[in-house]
Amino acid sequence: MLTKETVRDALNAIGNTFFTVEFVAKDGGVRVYNGRINVKKGLKNNERSELVRKAFEANGVVPIKIDGEKYKAFKLDNVLSIKGAGQEWVAGA
């Protein structure tokens, strides 16, 4: 697994462009998502959304917008690899 710091650095380097993340899900299976982070379109900006955003940050959860209007999430400490912005971060490399 990549460290939380490596994942944060990778996400900062990628910015708001499309990327691919491979991670271990809660059920132990490996998932791959393609999408973007920091997408605000379609989200409500209210008290509840602020509470959710803070809870995600506190628990190391990163929301990602995938095809169309779907949002999914992954945890920082479960990432196996990230590809984006012409770079690749891989666990054990």
N, C-alpha and C. Protein backbone atom coordinates (compact mmCIF):
# COMPACT_ATOMS: atom_id res chain seq x y z
N MET A 1 0.84 -1.19 0.00
CA MET A 1 0.00 0.00 0.00
C MET A 1 0.88 1.25 0.00
N LEU A 2 0.38 2.27 -0.64
CA LEU A 2 1.06 3.56 -0.59
C LEU A 2 0.77 4.21 0.76
N THR A 3 1.68 5.04 1.22
CA THR A 3 1.44 5.77 2.47
C THR A 3 0.43 6.88 2.23
N LYS A 4 -0.23 7.32 3.31
CA LYS A 4 -1.19 8.42 3.20
C LYS A 4 -0.52 9.66 2.62
N GLU A 5 0.71 9.92 3.06
CA GLU A 5 1.43 11.11 2.59
C GLU A 5 1.70 11.03 1.10
N THR A 6 2.09 9.85 0.61
CA THR A 6 2.35 9.67 -0.82
C THR A 6 1.08 9.88 -1.62
N VAL A 7 -0.04 9.36 -1.13
CA VAL A 7 -1.31 9.53 -1.82
C VAL A 7 -1.71 11.00 -1.84
N ARG A 8 -1.57 11.69 -0.72
CA ARG A 8 -1.90 13.13 -0.68
C ARG A 8 -1.02 13.91 -1.66
N ASP A 9 0.28 13.61 -1.68
CA ASP A 9 1.19 14.28 -2.61
C ASP A 9 0.80 14.01 -4.06
N ALA A 10 0.43 12.76 -4.35
CA ALA A 10 0.02 12.39 -5.71
C ALA A 10 -1.24 13.15 -6.11
N LEU A 11 -2.23 13.21 -5.22
CA LEU A 11 -3.47 13.91 -5.51
C LEU A 11 -3.23 15.41 -5.70
N ASN A 12 -2.32 15.97 -4.92
CA ASN A 12 -1.97 17.39 -5.11
C ASN A 12 -1.30 17.62 -6.45
N ALA A 13 -0.43 16.69 -6.87
CA ALA A 13 0.26 16.81 -8.15
C ALA A 13 -0.72 16.66 -9.32
N ILE A 14 -1.72 15.80 -9.15
CA ILE A 14 -2.70 15.56 -10.21
C ILE A 14 -3.67 16.73 -10.32
N GLY A 15 -4.03 17.31 -9.19
CA GLY A 15 -4.95 18.45 -9.19
C GLY A 15 -6.35 18.04 -9.57
N ASN A 16 -6.98 18.79 -10.47
CA ASN A 16 -8.37 18.56 -10.86
C ASN A 16 -8.46 17.87 -12.22
N THR A 17 -7.47 17.07 -12.59
CA THR A 17 -7.51 16.36 -13.85
C THR A 17 -7.94 14.91 -13.61
N PHE A 18 -8.27 14.23 -14.68
CA PHE A 18 -8.69 12.83 -14.56
C PHE A 18 -7.52 11.96 -14.14
N PHE A 19 -7.82 10.94 -13.31
CA PHE A 19 -6.80 10.01 -12.86
C PHE A 19 -7.44 8.66 -12.59
N THR A 20 -6.60 7.66 -12.41
CA THR A 20 -7.04 6.30 -12.10
C THR A 20 -6.45 5.91 -10.76
N VAL A 21 -7.29 5.37 -9.90
CA VAL A 21 -6.83 4.92 -8.59
C VAL A 21 -7.22 3.46 -8.42
N GLU A 22 -6.29 2.65 -7.94
CA GLU A 22 -6.53 1.25 -7.62
C GLU A 22 -6.37 1.11 -6.11
N PHE A 23 -7.37 0.51 -5.47
CA PHE A 23 -7.34 0.44 -4.01
C PHE A 23 -8.03 -0.83 -3.53
N VAL A 24 -7.81 -1.15 -2.26
CA VAL A 24 -8.46 -2.29 -1.63
C VAL A 24 -9.73 -1.79 -0.95
N ALA A 25 -10.86 -2.36 -1.32
CA ALA A 25 -12.15 -1.97 -0.76
C ALA A 25 -12.35 -2.59 0.61
N LYS A 26 -13.40 -2.15 1.29
CA LYS A 26 -13.70 -2.64 2.63
C LYS A 26 -13.92 -4.16 2.66
N ASP A 27 -14.46 -4.71 1.56
CA ASP A 27 -14.72 -6.15 1.50
C ASP A 27 -13.48 -6.98 1.13
N GLY A 28 -12.34 -6.30 0.94
CA GLY A 28 -11.09 -6.98 0.62
C GLY A 28 -10.81 -7.09 -0.86
N GLY A 29 -11.77 -6.77 -1.70
CA GLY A 29 -11.58 -6.81 -3.14
C GLY A 29 -10.82 -5.59 -3.64
N VAL A 30 -10.22 -5.71 -4.80
CA VAL A 30 -9.49 -4.58 -5.40
C VAL A 30 -10.43 -3.87 -6.37
N ARG A 31 -10.50 -2.55 -6.26
CA ARG A 31 -11.34 -1.74 -7.14
C ARG A 31 -10.47 -0.73 -7.89
N VAL A 32 -10.94 -0.34 -9.05
CA VAL A 32 -10.27 0.67 -9.87
C VAL A 32 -11.32 1.71 -10.26
N TYR A 33 -11.06 2.97 -9.94
CA TYR A 33 -11.94 4.07 -10.32
C TYR A 33 -11.17 5.02 -11.23
N ASN A 34 -11.88 5.55 -12.23
CA ASN A 34 -11.36 6.63 -13.08
C ASN A 34 -12.24 7.82 -12.84
N GLY A 35 -11.66 8.97 -12.54
CA GLY A 35 -12.47 10.15 -12.29
C GLY A 35 -11.63 11.35 -11.90
N ARG A 36 -12.29 12.30 -11.25
CA ARG A 36 -11.64 13.53 -10.81
C ARG A 36 -12.02 13.82 -9.37
N ILE A 37 -11.14 14.55 -8.69
CA ILE A 37 -11.46 15.03 -7.35
C ILE A 37 -11.69 16.54 -7.43
N ASN A 38 -12.16 17.10 -6.34
CA ASN A 38 -12.40 18.54 -6.22
C ASN A 38 -13.46 19.05 -7.20
N VAL A 39 -14.41 18.20 -7.59
CA VAL A 39 -15.49 18.61 -8.48
C VAL A 39 -16.64 19.11 -7.62
N LYS A 40 -17.05 20.34 -7.83
CA LYS A 40 -18.10 20.94 -7.01
C LYS A 40 -19.45 20.98 -7.72
N LYS A 41 -19.46 20.84 -9.05
CA LYS A 41 -20.69 20.93 -9.82
C LYS A 41 -21.67 19.84 -9.38
N GLY A 42 -22.90 20.24 -9.12
CA GLY A 42 -23.92 19.29 -8.74
C GLY A 42 -24.00 19.01 -7.24
N LEU A 43 -23.07 19.55 -6.47
CA LEU A 43 -23.11 19.35 -5.03
C LEU A 43 -23.80 20.53 -4.35
N LYS A 44 -24.53 20.23 -3.31
CA LYS A 44 -25.17 21.29 -2.55
C LYS A 44 -24.17 21.85 -1.54
N ASN A 45 -24.21 23.14 -1.36
CA ASN A 45 -23.34 23.79 -0.39
C ASN A 45 -24.19 24.22 0.80
N ASN A 46 -24.34 23.31 1.75
CA ASN A 46 -25.16 23.61 2.91
C ASN A 46 -24.46 23.06 4.16
N GLU A 47 -25.14 23.18 5.29
CA GLU A 47 -24.54 22.76 6.56
C GLU A 47 -24.24 21.25 6.58
N ARG A 48 -25.14 20.46 6.05
CA ARG A 48 -24.94 19.01 6.03
C ARG A 48 -23.74 18.63 5.16
N SER A 49 -23.62 19.24 3.99
CA SER A 49 -22.50 18.91 3.11
C SER A 49 -21.16 19.31 3.74
N GLU A 50 -21.17 20.37 4.51
CA GLU A 50 -19.95 20.79 5.22
C GLU A 50 -19.58 19.77 6.29
N LEU A 51 -20.56 19.23 7.00
CA LEU A 51 -20.30 18.19 8.01
C LEU A 51 -19.73 16.93 7.35
N VAL A 52 -20.29 16.54 6.22
CA VAL A 52 -19.81 15.35 5.51
C VAL A 52 -18.38 15.57 5.04
N ARG A 53 -18.09 16.75 4.48
CA ARG A 53 -16.74 17.06 3.99
C ARG A 53 -15.73 16.97 5.13
N LYS A 54 -16.07 17.52 6.28
CA LYS A 54 -15.16 17.48 7.43
C LYS A 54 -14.97 16.05 7.94
N ALA A 55 -16.03 15.26 7.95
CA ALA A 55 -15.94 13.86 8.38
C ALA A 55 -15.06 13.06 7.42
N PHE A 56 -15.21 13.30 6.12
CA PHE A 56 -14.36 12.62 5.13
C PHE A 56 -12.89 12.96 5.37
N GLU A 57 -12.61 14.24 5.54
CA GLU A 57 -11.21 14.66 5.77
C GLU A 57 -10.65 14.03 7.04
N ALA A 58 -11.42 14.02 8.10
CA ALA A 58 -10.96 13.48 9.38
C ALA A 58 -10.68 11.98 9.31
N ASN A 59 -11.40 11.27 8.45
CA ASN A 59 -11.26 9.83 8.35
C ASN A 59 -10.43 9.38 7.14
N GLY A 60 -9.81 10.31 6.44
CA GLY A 60 -8.96 9.95 5.31
C GLY A 60 -9.71 9.40 4.12
N VAL A 61 -10.93 9.89 3.90
CA VAL A 61 -11.74 9.44 2.78
C VAL A 61 -11.71 10.51 1.68
N VAL A 62 -11.48 10.06 0.44
CA VAL A 62 -11.40 10.97 -0.70
C VAL A 62 -12.57 10.71 -1.64
N PRO A 63 -13.48 11.70 -1.82
CA PRO A 63 -14.56 11.52 -2.79
C PRO A 63 -14.03 11.72 -4.21
N ILE A 64 -14.53 10.92 -5.14
CA ILE A 64 -14.10 11.01 -6.53
C ILE A 64 -15.35 10.98 -7.41
N LYS A 65 -15.40 11.88 -8.40
CA LYS A 65 -16.54 11.89 -9.32
C LYS A 65 -16.18 11.01 -10.50
N ILE A 66 -17.00 9.97 -10.71
CA ILE A 66 -16.79 9.07 -11.84
C ILE A 66 -17.91 9.30 -12.85
N ASP A 67 -17.92 8.58 -13.93
CA ASP A 67 -18.81 8.79 -15.07
C ASP A 67 -20.15 9.46 -14.73
N GLY A 68 -20.45 10.51 -15.45
CA GLY A 68 -21.71 11.22 -15.27
C GLY A 68 -21.82 11.93 -13.95
N GLU A 69 -22.87 11.58 -13.21
CA GLU A 69 -23.15 12.26 -11.94
C GLU A 69 -22.84 11.41 -10.72
N LYS A 70 -22.14 10.30 -10.89
CA LYS A 70 -21.85 9.41 -9.76
C LYS A 70 -20.64 9.88 -8.97
N TYR A 71 -20.77 9.78 -7.66
CA TYR A 71 -19.65 10.02 -6.75
C TYR A 71 -19.36 8.74 -5.99
N LYS A 72 -18.10 8.39 -5.85
CA LYS A 72 -17.65 7.26 -5.06
C LYS A 72 -16.58 7.80 -4.12
N ALA A 73 -15.97 6.93 -3.33
CA ALA A 73 -14.93 7.37 -2.40
C ALA A 73 -13.96 6.23 -2.14
N PHE A 74 -12.74 6.61 -1.75
CA PHE A 74 -11.74 5.63 -1.35
C PHE A 74 -10.96 6.19 -0.17
N LYS A 75 -10.36 5.29 0.60
CA LYS A 75 -9.59 5.72 1.78
C LYS A 75 -8.11 5.88 1.40
N LEU A 76 -7.49 6.89 1.96
CA LEU A 76 -6.08 7.20 1.68
C LEU A 76 -5.15 6.03 2.00
N ASP A 77 -5.46 5.27 3.04
CA ASP A 77 -4.53 4.23 3.48
C ASP A 77 -4.79 2.87 2.82
N ASN A 78 -5.66 2.82 1.80
CA ASN A 78 -5.93 1.57 1.10
C ASN A 78 -5.51 1.60 -0.37
N VAL A 79 -4.76 2.61 -0.78
CA VAL A 79 -4.42 2.80 -2.19
C VAL A 79 -3.22 1.95 -2.59
N LEU A 80 -3.38 1.24 -3.72
CA LEU A 80 -2.30 0.43 -4.28
C LEU A 80 -1.54 1.20 -5.35
N SER A 81 -2.26 1.98 -6.19
CA SER A 81 -1.59 2.76 -7.22
C SER A 81 -2.47 3.93 -7.66
N ILE A 82 -1.81 4.95 -8.18
CA ILE A 82 -2.48 6.12 -8.75
C ILE A 82 -1.75 6.47 -10.04
N LYS A 83 -2.52 6.76 -11.09
CA LYS A 83 -1.97 7.21 -12.36
C LYS A 83 -2.68 8.49 -12.75
N GLY A 84 -1.90 9.52 -13.08
CA GLY A 84 -2.49 10.77 -13.52
C GLY A 84 -1.44 11.82 -13.74
N ALA A 85 -1.78 12.81 -14.55
CA ALA A 85 -0.89 13.93 -14.85
C ALA A 85 0.46 13.44 -15.39
N GLY A 86 0.43 12.35 -16.16
CA GLY A 86 1.65 11.82 -16.75
C GLY A 86 2.58 11.12 -15.78
N GLN A 87 2.09 10.82 -14.58
CA GLN A 87 2.90 10.17 -13.56
C GLN A 87 2.18 8.94 -13.03
N GLU A 88 2.95 8.08 -12.36
CA GLU A 88 2.35 6.89 -11.75
C GLU A 88 3.02 6.63 -10.41
N TRP A 89 2.19 6.37 -9.41
CA TRP A 89 2.67 6.03 -8.07
C TRP A 89 2.19 4.61 -7.79
N VAL A 90 3.11 3.70 -7.50
CA VAL A 90 2.76 2.31 -7.30
C VAL A 90 3.36 1.81 -6.01
N ALA A 91 2.60 1.06 -5.23
CA ALA A 91 3.08 0.49 -3.98
C ALA A 91 4.21 -0.50 -4.26
N GLY A 92 5.27 -0.43 -3.49
CA GLY A 92 6.38 -1.35 -3.62
C GLY A 92 7.34 -1.01 -4.73
N ALA A 93 7.13 0.12 -5.39
CA ALA A 93 8.03 0.50 -6.49
C ALA A 93 9.06 1.50 -6.04
